[in-house]
Amino acid sequence: MTRTDRLYALVEELRAAAPGRRSASWLANRFEVSTRTIERDISALQASGVPIWADAGRTGGYTIDARHSLPPLGLTVDEAFAVMVGLGQLASSPFQDAARSAAQKVRAVMDEEDARRITALTDRVHLLEDDERAGAPRLFADALRSRSVLRIRYADAGGTETTREVEPLGYIGKGQDWYLVAWCRLRGGVRAFRGDRVLVVEPTGERPPARAIRAEDLQIPYGRLRPLGAD
């Protein structure tokens, strides 16, 4: 998480907790930084005019004026409901942290009545999932954004582990399974790596050459690939 992203997330975390408080140590654990970093971030936010107050003592912490909010998204209740359902479907995916944060931000910019209506609707939606499985490493979700060749340790269906250098090309989602599509230097071709079988991800810093995903390279035996950006 960049500092800018963390500052934004800090405001939303405090707003969601208001009028309650969050201690520096709680926030440091939440964002995986030091308490000193949190204190510096809060000071920067206060200096920029964000209405954050600090209370000393054992039960003290930081709180924010609950009226401080983001500009409204302009979503209807049905649109917000659809967004929340979509984000909820990512709760067991490699993108769960970002989905959880995004859902919190959607709630934060809705008025109280609409938020209650959305909560009542989403409480009626249930997802049927398999037993909990091991999640993909955090960097799996950053594979495309890193724009770097990755060194991964991967376990195939039989449990055999290999270390490979791969060039990320995209993702494929199927039910609870998410696959990283990449050019595999070990095999000399395009391969799909299931997220829960990726044991370790390490960016090498090397920029890969430009490549395109072609459905025929994936040799998918059934189903149809639908680009997420398609209407």
Protein backbone atom coordinates (compact mmCIF):
# COMPACT_ATOMS: atom_id res chain seq x y z
CA MET A 1 0.00 0.00 0.00
CA THR A 2 1.37 3.39 -0.96
CA ARG A 3 1.38 6.23 1.56
CA THR A 4 -1.35 8.02 -0.37
CA ASP A 5 -3.54 4.91 -0.31
CA ARG A 6 -2.84 4.46 3.40
CA LEU A 7 -3.81 8.07 4.21
CA TYR A 8 -7.06 7.63 2.33
CA ALA A 9 -7.71 4.31 4.07
CA LEU A 10 -6.94 5.82 7.48
CA VAL A 11 -9.64 8.45 6.99
CA GLU A 12 -12.18 5.82 5.97
CA GLU A 13 -11.22 3.51 8.86
CA LEU A 14 -11.70 6.34 11.36
CA ARG A 15 -14.94 7.43 9.72
CA ALA A 16 -16.32 3.89 9.85
CA ALA A 17 -15.42 3.64 13.56
CA ALA A 18 -16.77 7.10 14.51
CA PRO A 19 -17.75 8.13 17.09
CA GLY A 20 -15.57 5.34 18.44
CA ARG A 21 -11.80 5.56 18.57
CA ARG A 22 -8.88 3.68 17.09
CA SER A 23 -5.57 3.59 18.92
CA ALA A 24 -2.26 4.12 17.14
CA SER A 25 -1.26 0.53 17.91
CA TRP A 26 -4.56 -0.82 16.52
CA LEU A 27 -4.12 1.19 13.32
CA ALA A 28 -0.47 0.17 13.05
CA ASN A 29 -1.50 -3.50 13.20
CA ARG A 30 -4.34 -2.92 10.71
CA PHE A 31 -2.06 -1.31 8.12
CA GLU A 32 1.08 -3.32 8.98
CA VAL A 33 3.27 -0.31 9.75
CA SER A 34 4.84 1.09 12.92
CA THR A 35 2.93 3.24 15.41
CA ARG A 36 5.40 6.02 14.60
CA THR A 37 4.33 5.86 10.95
CA ILE A 38 0.66 6.08 11.99
CA GLU A 39 1.40 9.10 14.18
CA ARG A 40 3.16 10.82 11.27
CA ASP A 41 0.27 10.00 8.93
CA ILE A 42 -2.31 11.35 11.37
CA SER A 43 -0.28 14.53 11.81
CA ALA A 44 -0.14 14.96 8.02
CA LEU A 45 -3.91 14.48 7.74
CA GLN A 46 -4.56 16.97 10.55
CA ALA A 47 -2.24 19.49 8.89
CA SER A 48 -4.21 19.13 5.64
CA GLY A 49 -7.44 20.01 7.44
CA VAL A 50 -8.94 16.59 8.13
CA PRO A 51 -10.88 16.87 11.44
CA ILE A 52 -9.11 14.17 13.47
CA TRP A 53 -8.80 14.41 17.26
CA ALA A 54 -6.64 12.43 19.65
CA ASP A 55 -7.57 11.46 23.22
CA ALA A 56 -4.85 10.39 25.62
CA GLY A 57 -5.09 7.55 28.15
CA ARG A 58 -5.72 3.80 28.12
CA THR A 59 -9.07 4.09 26.38
CA GLY A 60 -8.00 6.96 24.15
CA GLY A 61 -7.19 7.02 20.50
CA TYR A 62 -8.01 8.86 17.31
CA THR A 63 -11.48 9.84 16.17
CA ILE A 64 -12.84 11.83 13.24
CA ASP A 65 -15.81 14.09 12.66
CA ALA A 66 -18.32 11.61 11.18
CA ARG A 67 -19.61 14.32 8.84
CA HIS A 68 -16.26 14.31 7.05
CA SER A 69 -16.91 12.18 4.00
CA LEU A 70 -16.01 11.52 0.41
CA PRO A 71 -17.99 13.04 -2.44
CA PRO A 72 -21.14 10.93 -3.08
CA LEU A 73 -20.82 8.24 -5.70
CA GLY A 74 -24.29 8.88 -7.07
CA LEU A 75 -25.22 5.18 -7.00
CA THR A 76 -28.83 4.10 -6.75
CA VAL A 77 -29.72 1.52 -4.10
CA ASP A 78 -29.90 -1.19 -6.77
CA GLU A 79 -26.49 -0.18 -8.16
CA ALA A 80 -24.90 -0.10 -4.72
CA PHE A 81 -26.48 -3.48 -3.92
CA ALA A 82 -24.98 -4.96 -7.11
CA VAL A 83 -21.55 -3.50 -6.24
CA MET A 84 -21.70 -4.96 -2.72
CA VAL A 85 -22.70 -8.40 -4.04
CA GLY A 86 -19.83 -8.31 -6.53
CA LEU A 87 -17.33 -7.31 -3.86
CA GLY A 88 -18.71 -9.96 -1.53
CA GLN A 89 -17.97 -12.63 -4.13
CA LEU A 90 -14.29 -11.67 -3.87
CA ALA A 91 -14.16 -12.34 -0.11
CA SER A 92 -12.36 -15.67 -0.63
CA SER A 93 -10.30 -14.51 -3.63
CA PRO A 94 -6.72 -13.21 -3.81
CA PHE A 95 -8.29 -9.75 -4.04
CA GLN A 96 -10.15 -9.99 -0.72
CA ASP A 97 -8.25 -7.17 1.05
CA ALA A 98 -8.98 -4.65 -1.70
CA ALA A 99 -12.59 -5.86 -1.96
CA ARG A 100 -13.12 -5.46 1.78
CA SER A 101 -11.65 -1.96 1.72
CA ALA A 102 -13.74 -0.98 -1.32
CA ALA A 103 -16.93 -2.23 0.34
CA GLN A 104 -16.15 -0.14 3.39
CA LYS A 105 -15.70 2.94 1.20
CA VAL A 106 -19.00 2.35 -0.59
CA ARG A 107 -20.80 2.16 2.77
CA ALA A 108 -18.98 5.25 4.00
CA VAL A 109 -20.33 7.53 1.25
CA MET A 110 -23.96 6.40 1.52
CA ASP A 111 -26.51 8.16 3.69
CA GLU A 112 -27.76 6.27 6.74
CA GLU A 113 -31.13 5.27 5.26
CA ASP A 114 -29.65 3.87 2.04
CA ALA A 115 -26.93 2.10 4.04
CA ARG A 116 -29.62 0.39 6.14
CA ARG A 117 -31.49 -0.68 3.02
CA ILE A 118 -28.33 -2.10 1.45
CA THR A 119 -27.48 -3.99 4.64
CA ALA A 120 -30.99 -5.47 4.75
CA LEU A 121 -30.65 -6.62 1.13
CA THR A 122 -27.13 -8.03 1.38
CA ASP A 123 -28.09 -9.95 4.55
CA ARG A 124 -30.44 -11.97 2.32
CA VAL A 125 -27.71 -12.98 -0.15
CA HIS A 126 -25.66 -16.10 0.59
CA LEU A 127 -22.80 -17.68 -1.33
CA LEU A 128 -22.38 -21.45 -1.42
CA GLU A 129 -18.66 -22.14 -1.21
CA ASP A 130 -16.37 -25.11 -0.79
CA ASP A 131 -14.55 -25.74 2.47
CA GLU A 132 -12.00 -23.07 3.28
CA ARG A 133 -8.76 -23.53 1.38
CA ALA A 134 -5.33 -21.98 1.62
CA GLY A 135 -5.23 -18.52 0.10
CA ALA A 136 -2.83 -17.22 -2.52
CA PRO A 137 0.12 -15.09 -1.42
CA ARG A 138 -0.59 -11.38 -1.18
CA LEU A 139 1.60 -10.52 -4.16
CA PHE A 140 -0.58 -12.74 -6.36
CA ALA A 141 -3.13 -9.93 -6.53
CA ASP A 142 -0.38 -7.45 -7.43
CA ALA A 143 1.06 -9.59 -10.23
CA LEU A 144 -0.20 -7.42 -13.10
CA ARG A 145 0.26 -4.09 -11.37
CA SER A 146 3.88 -4.85 -10.51
CA ARG A 147 4.67 -5.12 -14.26
CA SER A 148 7.56 -7.37 -13.28
CA VAL A 149 8.73 -10.88 -14.03
CA LEU A 150 7.81 -13.01 -11.02
CA ARG A 151 9.65 -15.88 -9.46
CA ILE A 152 7.09 -18.28 -8.03
CA ARG A 153 7.07 -21.60 -6.24
CA TYR A 154 4.13 -23.62 -7.52
CA ALA A 155 2.60 -26.94 -6.50
CA ASP A 156 0.79 -28.85 -9.23
CA ALA A 157 -2.30 -31.03 -8.67
CA GLY A 158 -0.08 -33.91 -7.57
CA GLY A 159 1.78 -31.78 -5.03
CA THR A 160 5.04 -31.58 -6.99
CA GLU A 161 6.69 -28.20 -6.42
CA THR A 162 8.66 -26.27 -9.02
CA THR A 163 10.28 -22.83 -9.02
CA ARG A 164 9.62 -20.81 -12.16
CA GLU A 165 10.02 -17.36 -13.61
CA VAL A 166 6.78 -16.16 -15.19
CA GLU A 167 5.61 -13.08 -17.09
CA PRO A 168 2.11 -12.10 -15.85
CA LEU A 169 -0.48 -11.63 -18.58
CA GLY A 170 -3.86 -11.65 -16.82
CA TYR A 171 -6.30 -13.46 -14.56
CA ILE A 172 -9.07 -15.99 -15.06
CA GLY A 173 -11.78 -16.50 -12.45
CA LYS A 174 -13.89 -19.66 -12.20
CA GLY A 175 -16.06 -20.01 -9.12
CA GLN A 176 -13.80 -19.73 -6.10
CA ASP A 177 -10.70 -20.42 -8.16
CA TRP A 178 -8.56 -17.62 -9.56
CA TYR A 179 -5.73 -18.31 -11.98
CA LEU A 180 -2.76 -16.18 -12.90
CA VAL A 181 -2.21 -16.45 -16.65
CA ALA A 182 1.47 -16.01 -17.47
CA TRP A 183 4.20 -16.86 -19.92
CA CYS A 184 6.14 -19.60 -18.15
CA ARG A 185 9.85 -19.48 -18.93
CA LEU A 186 10.32 -22.99 -17.57
CA ARG A 187 7.79 -24.49 -20.01
CA GLY A 188 8.25 -21.95 -22.81
CA GLY A 189 4.56 -21.20 -23.17
CA VAL A 190 1.42 -19.70 -21.65
CA ARG A 191 0.24 -21.40 -18.45
CA ALA A 192 -2.49 -20.75 -15.86
CA PHE A 193 -1.44 -21.00 -12.21
CA ARG A 194 -4.20 -21.57 -9.64
CA GLY A 195 -3.94 -19.08 -6.81
CA ASP A 196 -4.09 -21.49 -3.88
CA ARG A 197 -1.26 -23.54 -5.43
CA VAL A 198 1.07 -20.55 -5.72
CA LEU A 199 3.15 -20.92 -2.56
CA VAL A 200 5.60 -18.03 -2.92
CA VAL A 201 5.66 -14.94 -5.15
CA GLU A 202 8.76 -12.78 -5.57
CA PRO A 203 8.99 -9.85 -8.04
CA THR A 204 12.37 -9.84 -9.78
CA GLY A 205 12.19 -6.23 -10.96
CA GLU A 206 12.75 -7.30 -14.57
CA ARG A 207 10.32 -5.83 -17.10
CA PRO A 208 8.97 -8.57 -19.40
CA PRO A 209 8.36 -8.06 -23.12
CA ALA A 210 4.84 -7.21 -24.25
CA ARG A 211 2.71 -10.31 -24.90
CA ALA A 212 -1.01 -10.79 -25.54
CA ILE A 213 -3.37 -13.43 -24.14
CA ARG A 214 -4.99 -15.60 -26.77
CA ALA A 215 -7.76 -17.98 -25.72
CA GLU A 216 -6.34 -20.70 -27.97
CA ASP A 217 -3.03 -20.62 -26.09
CA LEU A 218 -4.83 -21.58 -22.86
CA GLN A 219 -6.40 -24.74 -24.32
CA ILE A 220 -9.50 -24.43 -22.15
CA PRO A 221 -11.53 -27.63 -22.64
CA TYR A 222 -14.92 -26.09 -21.81
CA GLY A 223 -16.56 -22.78 -20.99
CA ARG A 224 -16.21 -19.37 -22.57
CA LEU A 225 -13.79 -16.62 -21.65
CA ARG A 226 -15.57 -13.33 -21.08
CA PRO A 227 -13.39 -10.22 -20.70
CA LEU A 228 -14.37 -8.38 -17.52
CA GLY A 229 -14.58 -5.10 -19.42
CA ALA A 230 -17.17 -6.49 -21.86
CA ASP A 231 -20.74 -5.15 -21.62
